[in-house]
Structure formats: structure tokens, C-alpha cells
Amino acid sequence: MFSIEHEFDATVVTLVDEGSATLTEDVTINMFEDCVTVEQYDPRADSVQKITLSLNQVQELAAALDLPEGVYKLQLDGKTG
């Protein structure tokens, strides 16, 4: 299950882990104008862990989801090679 919320400065997507025997904490993705953050609560550290991706990294991640194993460079025209 997931939710999408549009806030003033970001779009927030929350991914809820459900249905498996070992559930993990929710993942929150905040999409800003210049970056994307991914956050998840870590109960062992009792804190929220956060990573920040540039928009370029997000584009490369999206492209990587549809490609086989290998090393790629995303071209400006959207082609990979």
C-alpha cells in the first residue's frame, strides 16, 4: 500500500510494507524541486535514517530498474549506453 500527498514544497510518497511475515518500517519519499529524500525509521538506532538523491541520480535509478546487469551512463537525450 502507498499514499501520495502534495504539500507546498514537495510531493510525499509513503510506502507501507504489508502482508509479509517480516514487516519493515514505512519508507517516505519526499520529492522537492532540486532533490529527492528517502527516509525510514530505524528502530535499532531509534532514529530516522535519510538519504538525499540529486535529480540526476533519480533519473539514473529509474533507468536502472529496466536494464540488465552492467555499467551505464545516461545520455542527455535519454538514451543509455
Protein backbone atom coordinates (compact mmCIF):
# COMPACT_ATOMS: atom_id res chain seq x y z
CA MET A 1 0.00 0.00 0.00
CA PHE A 2 1.18 3.55 -0.63
CA SER A 3 -0.05 7.10 -0.31
CA ILE A 4 0.67 10.28 -2.29
CA GLU A 5 0.33 13.75 -0.77
CA HIS A 6 1.05 17.11 -2.39
CA GLU A 7 2.45 19.62 0.06
CA PHE A 8 3.54 23.21 -0.51
CA ASP A 9 7.15 22.45 -1.41
CA ALA A 10 7.16 18.69 -2.06
CA THR A 11 5.27 15.64 -3.18
CA VAL A 12 5.40 12.97 -0.48
CA VAL A 13 5.02 9.26 -1.25
CA THR A 14 4.80 6.83 1.68
CA LEU A 15 5.32 3.10 1.06
CA VAL A 16 3.76 0.81 3.67
CA ASP A 17 5.11 -2.73 3.96
CA GLU A 18 2.21 -5.14 4.45
CA GLY A 19 1.36 -8.76 4.02
CA SER A 20 4.70 -10.46 4.68
CA ALA A 21 5.85 -12.24 7.81
CA THR A 22 8.74 -9.80 8.38
CA LEU A 23 7.40 -6.26 8.01
CA THR A 24 9.76 -3.31 7.75
CA GLU A 25 9.14 0.30 8.69
CA ASP A 26 7.37 2.65 6.26
CA VAL A 27 9.51 4.39 3.63
CA THR A 28 8.82 8.07 2.97
CA ILE A 29 9.98 9.66 -0.28
CA ASN A 30 9.99 13.48 -0.44
CA MET A 31 10.29 14.92 -3.94
CA PHE A 32 11.47 18.52 -3.96
CA GLU A 33 12.33 20.85 -6.84
CA ASP A 34 16.06 20.08 -6.65
CA CYS A 35 16.39 16.72 -4.86
CA VAL A 36 14.63 13.65 -3.52
CA THR A 37 14.97 12.34 0.03
CA VAL A 38 14.23 8.79 1.18
CA GLU A 39 13.55 8.28 4.88
CA GLN A 40 12.93 5.22 7.05
CA TYR A 41 12.72 4.85 10.81
CA ASP A 42 15.42 2.55 12.24
CA PRO A 43 14.14 1.02 15.49
CA ARG A 44 17.63 -0.25 16.41
CA ALA A 45 19.02 3.31 16.40
CA ASP A 46 15.68 4.88 17.40
CA SER A 47 16.12 7.48 14.67
CA VAL A 48 15.06 8.26 11.12
CA GLN A 49 17.69 7.43 8.51
CA LYS A 50 17.67 9.74 5.49
CA ILE A 51 19.45 9.77 2.15
CA THR A 52 19.34 12.57 -0.41
CA LEU A 53 19.47 11.93 -4.17
CA SER A 54 20.08 14.55 -6.83
CA LEU A 55 17.57 14.65 -9.68
CA ASN A 56 20.26 13.11 -11.92
CA GLN A 57 20.63 10.18 -9.53
CA VAL A 58 16.85 9.68 -9.54
CA GLN A 59 16.82 9.61 -13.35
CA GLU A 60 19.62 7.05 -13.37
CA LEU A 61 17.84 4.94 -10.76
CA ALA A 62 14.64 4.96 -12.82
CA ALA A 63 16.60 3.88 -15.92
CA ALA A 64 18.42 1.16 -13.96
CA LEU A 65 15.16 -0.51 -12.97
CA ASP A 66 14.62 -1.58 -16.59
CA LEU A 67 18.16 -2.57 -17.56
CA PRO A 68 20.15 -5.81 -17.24
CA GLU A 69 23.35 -6.10 -15.22
CA GLY A 70 26.13 -3.79 -16.45
CA VAL A 71 27.60 -0.29 -16.23
CA TYR A 72 25.76 2.53 -17.97
CA LYS A 73 25.91 6.28 -18.47
CA LEU A 74 22.66 8.14 -19.01
CA GLN A 75 22.91 10.37 -22.09
CA LEU A 76 21.27 13.82 -22.25
CA ASP A 77 18.90 12.64 -24.98
CA GLY A 78 17.58 9.94 -22.63
CA LYS A 79 19.41 7.02 -24.25
CA THR A 80 21.64 4.72 -22.24
CA GLY A 81 24.92 3.32 -23.34
